[in-house]
N, C-alpha and C. Protein backbone atom coordinates (compact mmCIF):
# COMPACT_ATOMS: atom_id res chain seq x y z
N ILE A 1 176.82 181.73 -103.84
CA ILE A 1 175.51 182.40 -104.06
C ILE A 1 175.73 183.67 -103.44
N PHE A 2 175.26 184.67 -104.20
CA PHE A 2 175.47 186.20 -103.56
C PHE A 2 173.91 186.64 -103.34
N SER A 3 173.78 187.04 -102.07
CA SER A 3 172.31 187.59 -101.72
C SER A 3 172.57 188.94 -100.86
N ALA A 4 171.93 189.99 -101.13
CA ALA A 4 172.21 191.20 -100.42
C ALA A 4 170.98 191.61 -99.85
N SER A 5 171.00 192.28 -98.56
CA SER A 5 169.77 192.94 -97.96
C SER A 5 169.23 193.98 -98.78
N ARG A 6 167.91 194.04 -98.99
CA ARG A 6 167.28 195.20 -99.75
C ARG A 6 167.02 196.33 -98.92
N LEU A 7 167.27 197.49 -99.54
CA LEU A 7 167.23 198.83 -99.03
C LEU A 7 165.80 199.21 -98.84
N ASP A 8 164.91 198.79 -99.60
CA ASP A 8 163.49 199.17 -99.66
C ASP A 8 162.48 198.34 -98.79
N ILE A 9 162.89 197.05 -98.38
CA ILE A 9 161.98 196.11 -97.50
C ILE A 9 162.83 195.69 -96.58
N PRO A 10 162.46 196.04 -95.38
CA PRO A 10 163.20 195.53 -94.00
C PRO A 10 163.21 194.07 -93.97
N ASN A 11 164.28 193.59 -93.64
CA ASN A 11 164.65 191.89 -93.41
C ASN A 11 164.31 191.20 -94.67
N ALA A 12 164.52 191.81 -95.69
CA ALA A 12 164.27 191.00 -96.92
C ALA A 12 165.70 191.03 -97.68
N TRP A 13 165.80 189.91 -98.38
CA TRP A 13 167.01 189.54 -99.12
C TRP A 13 166.88 189.09 -100.63
N GLN A 14 167.62 189.54 -101.34
CA GLN A 14 167.63 189.33 -102.83
C GLN A 14 168.78 189.11 -103.54
N MET A 15 168.70 188.17 -104.54
CA MET A 15 170.01 188.10 -105.49
C MET A 15 169.95 188.92 -106.49
N PRO A 16 171.16 189.38 -107.20
CA PRO A 16 170.86 190.11 -108.39
C PRO A 16 170.05 189.50 -109.36
N GLN A 17 169.37 190.26 -110.22
CA GLN A 17 168.71 189.54 -111.21
C GLN A 17 168.64 190.46 -112.46
N GLY A 18 168.18 189.82 -113.62
CA GLY A 18 168.24 190.61 -114.89
C GLY A 18 167.90 189.66 -115.99
N GLY A 19 168.03 190.30 -117.25
CA GLY A 19 167.74 189.73 -118.35
C GLY A 19 169.07 189.29 -119.08
N ILE A 20 169.07 188.59 -120.16
CA ILE A 20 170.35 188.19 -120.83
C ILE A 20 170.17 188.93 -122.23
N ASP A 21 171.11 189.74 -122.52
CA ASP A 21 170.91 190.65 -123.80
C ASP A 21 171.14 189.59 -124.89
N ASP A 22 170.96 190.06 -126.08
CA ASP A 22 171.00 189.33 -127.50
C ASP A 22 172.35 188.83 -127.53
N SER A 23 172.53 187.60 -127.82
CA SER A 23 173.92 187.01 -127.97
C SER A 23 174.87 186.96 -126.91
N GLU A 24 174.23 187.35 -125.71
CA GLU A 24 174.98 187.27 -124.45
C GLU A 24 174.89 185.85 -123.81
N ASP A 25 175.97 185.18 -123.40
CA ASP A 25 175.77 183.76 -122.68
C ASP A 25 175.40 184.18 -121.22
N PRO A 26 174.94 183.18 -120.59
CA PRO A 26 174.31 183.19 -119.19
C PRO A 26 175.18 183.72 -118.34
N LYS A 27 176.63 183.03 -118.23
CA LYS A 27 177.63 183.44 -117.12
C LYS A 27 177.98 184.99 -117.49
N ALA A 28 178.09 185.48 -118.57
CA ALA A 28 178.58 186.85 -118.79
C ALA A 28 177.48 187.83 -118.37
N ALA A 29 176.15 187.30 -118.64
CA ALA A 29 175.11 188.33 -118.23
C ALA A 29 174.96 188.22 -116.64
N ALA A 30 175.26 187.01 -116.04
CA ALA A 30 175.18 187.03 -114.61
C ALA A 30 176.30 187.87 -113.92
N LEU A 31 177.51 188.01 -114.54
CA LEU A 31 178.53 188.79 -113.95
C LEU A 31 178.13 190.20 -114.35
N ARG A 32 177.73 190.55 -115.41
CA ARG A 32 177.33 192.10 -115.83
C ARG A 32 176.20 192.60 -114.70
N GLU A 33 175.20 191.65 -114.44
CA GLU A 33 174.15 191.96 -113.75
C GLU A 33 174.66 192.23 -112.28
N LEU A 34 175.62 191.47 -111.91
CA LEU A 34 176.07 191.47 -110.46
C LEU A 34 176.86 192.91 -110.31
N LYS A 35 177.64 193.13 -111.36
CA LYS A 35 178.37 194.49 -111.31
C LYS A 35 177.25 195.67 -111.48
N GLU A 36 176.37 195.66 -112.36
CA GLU A 36 175.33 196.81 -112.46
C GLU A 36 174.59 196.98 -111.04
N GLU A 37 174.25 195.77 -110.26
CA GLU A 37 173.33 196.05 -109.36
C GLU A 37 173.98 196.12 -108.03
N THR A 38 175.40 195.79 -107.88
CA THR A 38 175.94 195.77 -106.68
C THR A 38 177.31 196.56 -106.65
N GLY A 39 177.72 196.71 -107.95
CA GLY A 39 179.27 197.30 -108.19
C GLY A 39 180.25 196.36 -107.87
N VAL A 40 180.01 195.13 -107.55
CA VAL A 40 181.00 194.17 -107.47
C VAL A 40 181.48 193.66 -108.89
N SER A 41 183.09 194.03 -109.14
CA SER A 41 183.37 193.85 -110.43
C SER A 41 184.29 192.47 -110.57
N SER A 42 184.61 191.92 -109.50
CA SER A 42 185.44 190.75 -109.60
C SER A 42 184.91 189.57 -108.68
N ALA A 43 184.38 188.56 -109.61
CA ALA A 43 183.52 187.44 -109.04
C ALA A 43 184.10 186.09 -109.90
N GLU A 44 183.85 184.98 -109.23
CA GLU A 44 184.30 183.93 -110.04
C GLU A 44 182.93 182.81 -109.92
N VAL A 45 182.68 182.27 -110.98
CA VAL A 45 181.64 181.57 -111.16
C VAL A 45 182.11 180.16 -110.95
N LEU A 46 181.66 179.40 -109.78
CA LEU A 46 182.33 178.15 -109.28
C LEU A 46 181.37 176.81 -109.84
N ALA A 47 180.23 177.14 -110.31
CA ALA A 47 179.29 176.10 -110.99
C ALA A 47 178.06 176.74 -111.51
N GLU A 48 177.71 175.85 -112.38
CA GLU A 48 176.55 176.22 -113.42
C GLU A 48 175.78 175.03 -113.60
N ALA A 49 174.49 175.29 -113.66
CA ALA A 49 173.54 174.28 -113.87
C ALA A 49 173.67 173.70 -115.26
N PRO A 50 173.65 172.43 -115.63
CA PRO A 50 173.76 172.23 -117.05
C PRO A 50 172.60 172.36 -117.88
N TYR A 51 171.44 172.81 -117.11
CA TYR A 51 170.46 172.85 -117.90
C TYR A 51 169.53 174.23 -117.56
N TRP A 52 168.48 174.60 -118.22
CA TRP A 52 167.63 175.73 -117.83
C TRP A 52 166.54 175.10 -116.91
N LEU A 53 166.14 175.84 -116.01
CA LEU A 53 164.99 175.64 -115.07
C LEU A 53 163.86 176.33 -115.41
N THR A 54 162.71 175.75 -115.65
CA THR A 54 161.56 176.50 -116.20
C THR A 54 160.43 176.08 -115.32
N TYR A 55 159.47 177.25 -115.15
CA TYR A 55 158.33 176.85 -114.24
C TYR A 55 157.06 177.93 -114.56
N ASP A 56 155.91 177.47 -114.35
CA ASP A 56 154.67 178.40 -114.65
C ASP A 56 154.40 179.06 -113.33
N PHE A 57 154.03 180.30 -113.54
CA PHE A 57 153.43 181.05 -112.38
C PHE A 57 152.08 180.33 -111.98
N PRO A 58 151.74 180.49 -110.69
CA PRO A 58 150.44 180.04 -110.33
C PRO A 58 149.39 180.93 -110.80
N PRO A 59 148.12 180.71 -110.83
CA PRO A 59 147.12 181.58 -111.28
C PRO A 59 147.19 183.06 -110.55
N GLU A 60 147.12 182.83 -109.17
CA GLU A 60 147.17 184.17 -108.33
C GLU A 60 148.21 185.16 -108.65
N VAL A 61 149.55 184.60 -108.95
CA VAL A 61 150.58 185.33 -109.28
C VAL A 61 150.57 185.97 -110.51
N ARG A 62 149.92 185.21 -111.50
CA ARG A 62 149.89 185.71 -112.99
C ARG A 62 148.75 186.82 -112.95
N GLU A 63 147.76 186.79 -112.00
CA GLU A 63 146.67 187.99 -111.93
C GLU A 63 147.42 189.07 -111.29
N LYS A 64 148.29 188.90 -110.18
CA LYS A 64 149.01 190.03 -109.78
C LYS A 64 149.91 190.68 -110.58
N LEU A 65 150.60 190.00 -111.38
CA LEU A 65 151.52 190.60 -112.27
C LEU A 65 150.67 191.49 -113.43
N LYS A 66 149.50 190.67 -113.89
CA LYS A 66 148.59 191.68 -114.72
C LYS A 66 148.21 192.89 -114.26
N ARG A 67 147.94 192.90 -112.88
CA ARG A 67 147.30 194.14 -112.30
C ARG A 67 148.53 195.21 -112.18
N GLN A 68 149.73 194.70 -111.61
CA GLN A 68 150.68 195.57 -111.31
C GLN A 68 151.53 195.84 -112.63
N TRP A 69 151.54 195.16 -113.60
CA TRP A 69 152.57 195.35 -114.67
C TRP A 69 151.83 195.40 -115.99
N GLY A 70 150.61 195.06 -116.02
CA GLY A 70 149.96 195.03 -117.40
C GLY A 70 150.43 194.03 -118.34
N SER A 71 150.97 192.93 -117.88
CA SER A 71 151.55 191.88 -118.52
C SER A 71 150.60 190.55 -118.32
N ASP A 72 150.85 189.40 -119.16
CA ASP A 72 150.26 188.26 -118.94
C ASP A 72 151.46 187.12 -119.05
N TRP A 73 152.42 187.32 -118.18
CA TRP A 73 153.59 186.55 -118.10
C TRP A 73 153.01 185.14 -117.56
N LYS A 74 153.43 184.02 -118.17
CA LYS A 74 153.05 182.65 -117.66
C LYS A 74 153.91 181.75 -116.83
N GLY A 75 155.23 182.34 -117.15
CA GLY A 75 156.43 181.72 -116.20
C GLY A 75 157.71 182.18 -116.66
N GLN A 76 158.62 181.53 -116.31
CA GLN A 76 160.11 181.80 -116.56
C GLN A 76 160.96 180.69 -116.88
N ALA A 77 162.17 180.96 -117.48
CA ALA A 77 163.28 179.95 -117.75
C ALA A 77 164.38 180.74 -117.17
N GLN A 78 165.26 179.91 -116.32
CA GLN A 78 166.21 180.60 -115.46
C GLN A 78 167.47 179.61 -115.59
N LYS A 79 168.65 180.30 -115.61
CA LYS A 79 169.79 179.54 -115.73
C LYS A 79 170.68 179.70 -114.39
N TRP A 80 171.05 178.85 -113.57
CA TRP A 80 171.73 178.91 -112.41
C TRP A 80 173.15 178.43 -112.55
């Protein structure tokens, strides 16, 4: 697991994140995002979850996202 200290929020840590491009597999997307966001170009994926993890945002989070981004995201699907 790669986690880095955020520059804009003191004492906060975050993993690189981003979307998967059309026809891109999750592993390739993870390596691309790692390079784009950190400059790390040599990494090895040691394990991958065999399934997608999905969850719904709680109502208060959905409201915050709507106010901040103008979206009505209901949840996410993630691959680890």
